[in-house]
Amino acid sequence: MKIGLAVAECINGDINHNLSQILKYLDIAQVNEIDYIFFGESFLQGFDSLEWSFETDQTVAISRNSNIIKMIKDEAKKNNVGLGFGYFELYNQAIYSSYLIVEKNGEEIINYRRVSKGWKEYAKTDSHYKEGENINSFNIQDSHFSVALCGDLWDEETQIAFMTDKVRNSNLLWPVHVDFSLEEWNNQLKEYHNQALLFSKNVFLINNILKPGAHGGAFKFSETGIKSIGFDLEEILIIDL
């Protein structure tokens, strides 16, 4: 199986642009015989698209049964390419930072809700902004996967839930939003590698390009080293499993 980590540019609050990026990369994946393609955290709306007022933000977040999600699922089925992408989910009058993974036939595999609270301005938010409660592991073809979003693997309150044999023996998807400078990335990359290996032998980090601060980047962290593509490049890191 061939998977792709898509380093693509998204724009805060511009769902039409970000949706067009997802559809474009599904086409690219199909042409390049990539089975599943994965985007970074909150790609569909952009990480900084919320204003922390539920009255406003409920118009930005979308539900899993929305026409936009249906369109993405239909395009996955059309291209026979599975995918995963981050988005702000509206569910039962609450907003979550979620990650939806869709099968090649357009069916949902999992909808993971970030369990750490670092995605939100929690000093400003109320009970409308929530975290998930469950860790998700799942199979894609013959490969076992788990997923964590950004601070899930850094927050002492949540990281312990990922320190299990089930996660360690899986391929761990790690979509993030990181807005380090390039100099900071140079200093932090080894630390991210070491942190990743606390949880799994194969960790796939995907960071969106979100100007002006987030330089993107995709990495496969393993015990043998790091496989990556350069920063500020819209590109796909292809990994054979």
Protein backbone atom coordinates (compact mmCIF):
# COMPACT_ATOMS: atom_id res chain seq x y z
CA MET A 1 0.00 0.00 0.00
CA LYS A 2 1.17 3.49 -0.83
CA ILE A 3 0.21 6.46 1.35
CA GLY A 4 0.91 10.15 0.82
CA LEU A 5 1.41 12.94 3.35
CA ALA A 6 0.11 16.06 1.60
CA VAL A 7 1.86 19.31 2.41
CA ALA A 8 -0.64 21.76 0.96
CA GLU A 9 -1.40 25.40 1.58
CA CYS A 10 -4.67 26.21 3.29
CA ILE A 11 -6.15 29.65 4.00
CA ASN A 12 -7.86 30.61 7.23
CA GLY A 13 -11.61 30.86 6.76
CA ASP A 14 -11.55 30.01 3.05
CA ILE A 15 -13.29 26.63 2.86
CA ASN A 16 -13.74 26.93 -0.91
CA HIS A 17 -9.99 27.22 -1.46
CA ASN A 18 -9.14 24.50 1.02
CA LEU A 19 -11.77 22.18 -0.43
CA SER A 20 -10.35 22.76 -3.91
CA GLN A 21 -6.94 21.74 -2.55
CA ILE A 22 -8.33 18.48 -1.20
CA LEU A 23 -10.01 17.69 -4.50
CA LYS A 24 -6.85 18.58 -6.44
CA TYR A 25 -4.70 16.30 -4.31
CA LEU A 26 -7.18 13.45 -4.66
CA ASP A 27 -6.69 13.74 -8.42
CA ILE A 28 -2.91 13.82 -8.02
CA ALA A 29 -3.03 10.78 -5.75
CA GLN A 30 -5.12 8.87 -8.27
CA VAL A 31 -2.67 9.62 -11.09
CA ASN A 32 0.29 8.58 -8.91
CA GLU A 33 -1.42 5.40 -7.67
CA ILE A 34 -1.41 6.59 -4.04
CA ASP A 35 -3.95 4.60 -2.05
CA TYR A 36 -4.52 7.07 0.82
CA ILE A 37 -3.59 10.72 1.18
CA PHE A 38 -3.48 12.60 4.48
CA PHE A 39 -3.62 16.32 5.24
CA GLY A 40 -2.73 18.25 8.40
CA GLU A 41 -4.74 19.45 11.36
CA SER A 42 -7.84 21.64 10.73
CA PHE A 43 -7.01 21.80 7.03
CA LEU A 44 -10.57 22.36 5.80
CA GLN A 45 -11.12 25.67 7.61
CA GLY A 46 -7.57 26.66 8.59
CA PHE A 47 -6.22 26.47 12.14
CA ASP A 48 -6.80 30.17 12.95
CA SER A 49 -10.29 30.46 11.46
CA LEU A 50 -12.25 30.54 14.74
CA GLU A 51 -13.03 33.65 16.79
CA TRP A 52 -13.97 31.88 20.06
CA SER A 53 -17.54 33.13 19.97
CA PHE A 54 -19.88 30.20 19.45
CA GLU A 55 -22.48 32.35 17.71
CA THR A 56 -19.90 33.13 15.02
CA ASP A 57 -17.90 29.91 15.05
CA GLN A 58 -20.89 27.64 14.55
CA THR A 59 -21.08 29.08 11.03
CA VAL A 60 -17.44 28.09 10.41
CA ALA A 61 -17.52 24.57 11.83
CA ILE A 62 -19.35 21.94 9.77
CA SER A 63 -21.15 18.72 10.57
CA ARG A 64 -20.23 15.27 9.31
CA ASN A 65 -23.45 15.12 7.30
CA SER A 66 -22.81 18.44 5.53
CA ASN A 67 -22.77 18.75 1.74
CA ILE A 68 -19.06 19.58 1.87
CA ILE A 69 -18.19 16.32 3.62
CA LYS A 70 -20.48 14.43 1.26
CA MET A 71 -18.68 15.98 -1.73
CA ILE A 72 -15.28 14.92 -0.36
CA LYS A 73 -16.52 11.37 0.20
CA ASP A 74 -17.97 11.24 -3.31
CA GLU A 75 -14.68 12.43 -4.81
CA ALA A 76 -12.75 9.85 -2.81
CA LYS A 77 -14.99 7.15 -4.24
CA LYS A 78 -14.72 8.58 -7.75
CA ASN A 79 -10.91 8.56 -7.59
CA ASN A 80 -10.70 5.30 -5.61
CA VAL A 81 -8.41 7.10 -3.15
CA GLY A 82 -8.89 7.22 0.61
CA LEU A 83 -7.99 10.30 2.63
CA GLY A 84 -7.78 11.94 6.01
CA PHE A 85 -8.12 15.64 6.82
CA GLY A 86 -8.52 17.86 9.85
CA TYR A 87 -11.55 20.11 10.31
CA PHE A 88 -13.60 21.94 12.90
CA GLU A 89 -16.62 19.76 13.51
CA LEU A 90 -20.04 20.99 14.63
CA TYR A 91 -21.93 18.36 16.60
CA ASN A 92 -24.80 18.75 19.07
CA GLN A 93 -24.17 22.48 19.61
CA ALA A 94 -20.48 21.89 20.25
CA ILE A 95 -17.29 22.38 18.25
CA TYR A 96 -14.45 19.85 18.12
CA SER A 97 -11.06 19.77 16.41
CA SER A 98 -11.57 16.53 14.47
CA TYR A 99 -9.85 14.35 11.92
CA LEU A 100 -11.96 12.41 9.44
CA ILE A 101 -10.57 9.39 7.61
CA VAL A 102 -12.47 8.13 4.58
CA GLU A 103 -12.19 4.77 2.82
CA LYS A 104 -11.59 4.44 -0.93
CA ASN A 105 -15.27 3.70 -1.41
CA GLY A 106 -16.24 6.97 0.27
CA GLU A 107 -17.30 5.40 3.55
CA GLU A 108 -16.13 6.84 6.86
CA ILE A 109 -13.46 4.85 8.70
CA ILE A 110 -13.11 7.00 11.81
CA ASN A 111 -13.87 10.51 13.00
CA TYR A 112 -11.26 11.28 15.64
CA ARG A 113 -11.74 14.22 18.03
CA ARG A 114 -8.62 15.77 19.51
CA VAL A 115 -8.34 14.95 23.21
CA SER A 116 -5.91 17.72 24.25
CA LYS A 117 -7.22 21.26 24.67
CA GLY A 118 -4.36 23.17 23.04
CA TRP A 119 -6.31 23.68 19.80
CA LYS A 120 -8.47 26.38 21.41
CA GLU A 121 -8.12 29.63 23.36
CA TYR A 122 -9.47 27.88 26.43
CA ALA A 123 -9.31 31.04 28.58
CA LYS A 124 -11.93 32.52 26.23
CA THR A 125 -14.08 29.52 25.41
CA ASP A 126 -17.03 27.89 27.11
CA SER A 127 -18.64 24.45 27.10
CA HIS A 128 -19.45 24.76 23.38
CA TYR A 129 -15.79 23.93 22.63
CA LYS A 130 -15.05 20.34 23.50
CA GLU A 131 -12.44 17.59 23.27
CA GLY A 132 -12.94 13.96 22.40
CA GLU A 133 -12.73 11.13 24.88
CA ASN A 134 -11.53 8.15 22.84
CA ILE A 135 -8.30 7.07 21.15
CA ASN A 136 -8.90 5.56 17.73
CA SER A 137 -7.04 2.65 16.14
CA PHE A 138 -8.16 1.15 12.86
CA ASN A 139 -7.08 -0.99 9.92
CA ILE A 140 -6.50 0.14 6.35
CA GLN A 141 -6.09 -2.87 4.13
CA ASP A 142 -3.46 -4.96 5.96
CA SER A 143 -1.93 -2.08 7.94
CA HIS A 144 -2.86 -0.98 11.45
CA PHE A 145 -3.10 2.76 12.23
CA SER A 146 -3.72 5.12 15.11
CA VAL A 147 -4.19 8.88 14.99
CA ALA A 148 -3.22 11.72 17.33
CA LEU A 149 -3.63 15.44 16.74
CA CYS A 150 -0.76 17.81 17.54
CA GLY A 151 -0.65 18.41 21.31
CA ASP A 152 -2.16 15.00 22.11
CA LEU A 153 1.39 13.63 22.21
CA TRP A 154 2.80 16.55 24.23
CA ASP A 155 0.13 17.21 26.85
CA GLU A 156 0.90 15.25 30.03
CA GLU A 157 -2.82 14.83 30.66
CA THR A 158 -3.44 13.09 27.33
CA GLN A 159 -0.19 11.50 26.16
CA ILE A 160 -0.47 8.62 28.61
CA ALA A 161 -3.51 7.35 26.70
CA PHE A 162 -1.28 6.81 23.64
CA MET A 163 1.38 4.85 25.53
CA THR A 164 -0.16 1.46 24.78
CA ASP A 165 0.95 -1.59 22.85
CA LYS A 166 -1.91 -1.05 20.42
CA VAL A 167 -0.59 2.38 19.43
CA ARG A 168 3.07 1.31 19.53
CA ASN A 169 2.37 -1.53 17.11
CA SER A 170 0.50 0.72 14.70
CA ASN A 171 1.45 3.33 12.14
CA LEU A 172 0.73 6.57 13.99
CA LEU A 173 -0.67 9.47 11.98
CA TRP A 174 0.27 12.78 13.61
CA PRO A 175 -1.41 15.74 11.83
CA VAL A 176 -0.33 19.02 13.41
CA HIS A 177 -0.40 22.78 13.14
CA VAL A 178 3.07 24.10 13.94
CA ASP A 179 4.10 27.68 13.16
CA PHE A 180 7.78 27.48 14.07
CA SER A 181 10.23 29.66 12.18
CA LEU A 182 12.66 27.69 10.02
CA GLU A 183 15.35 28.30 12.63
CA GLU A 184 13.07 26.96 15.36
CA TRP A 185 12.28 23.91 13.23
CA ASN A 186 15.99 23.24 12.88
CA ASN A 187 16.28 23.25 16.68
CA GLN A 188 13.06 21.32 17.35
CA LEU A 189 13.15 18.57 14.74
CA LYS A 190 15.25 16.14 16.79
CA GLU A 191 12.95 16.69 19.77
CA TYR A 192 9.90 15.92 17.62
CA HIS A 193 11.60 12.77 16.36
CA ASN A 194 12.39 11.62 19.88
CA GLN A 195 8.89 12.43 21.09
CA ALA A 196 7.32 10.51 18.23
CA LEU A 197 9.31 7.37 19.01
CA LEU A 198 7.94 7.32 22.55
CA PHE A 199 4.65 6.19 21.03
CA SER A 200 5.30 4.23 17.84
CA LYS A 201 8.07 2.87 15.63
CA ASN A 202 6.51 4.59 12.60
CA VAL A 203 5.05 8.07 13.01
CA PHE A 204 3.83 10.23 10.12
CA LEU A 205 3.73 13.97 10.87
CA ILE A 206 1.88 16.29 8.48
CA ASN A 207 1.92 20.08 8.84
CA ASN A 208 -0.07 22.42 6.60
CA ILE A 209 1.37 25.47 4.91
CA LEU A 210 -0.54 28.39 6.43
CA LYS A 211 1.01 31.75 5.66
CA PRO A 212 2.67 33.71 7.07
CA GLY A 213 3.75 31.48 9.97
CA ALA A 214 3.36 27.77 9.21
CA HIS A 215 5.99 26.43 6.80
CA GLY A 216 4.43 23.01 6.29
CA GLY A 217 6.61 19.93 6.17
CA ALA A 218 5.98 16.19 6.29
CA PHE A 219 8.05 13.57 8.09
CA LYS A 220 8.26 9.86 8.58
CA PHE A 221 9.87 9.31 11.97
CA SER A 222 11.29 5.84 12.56
CA GLU A 223 14.03 4.16 14.58
CA THR A 224 16.27 4.28 11.51
CA GLY A 225 15.92 8.03 11.00
CA ILE A 226 13.78 10.68 9.34
CA LYS A 227 12.34 10.79 5.84
CA SER A 228 11.01 14.21 4.88
CA ILE A 229 10.28 16.82 2.26
CA GLY A 230 11.39 20.44 2.44
CA PHE A 231 9.54 23.30 4.06
CA ASP A 232 7.38 25.77 2.11
CA LEU A 233 6.86 23.22 -0.68
CA GLU A 234 3.45 22.01 -1.79
CA GLU A 235 4.40 18.39 -2.24
CA ILE A 236 3.48 14.84 -1.23
CA LEU A 237 5.74 12.65 0.87
CA ILE A 238 5.06 9.14 -0.48
CA ILE A 239 5.54 6.16 1.82
CA ASP A 240 5.29 2.48 0.89
CA LEU A 241 3.91 0.23 3.61
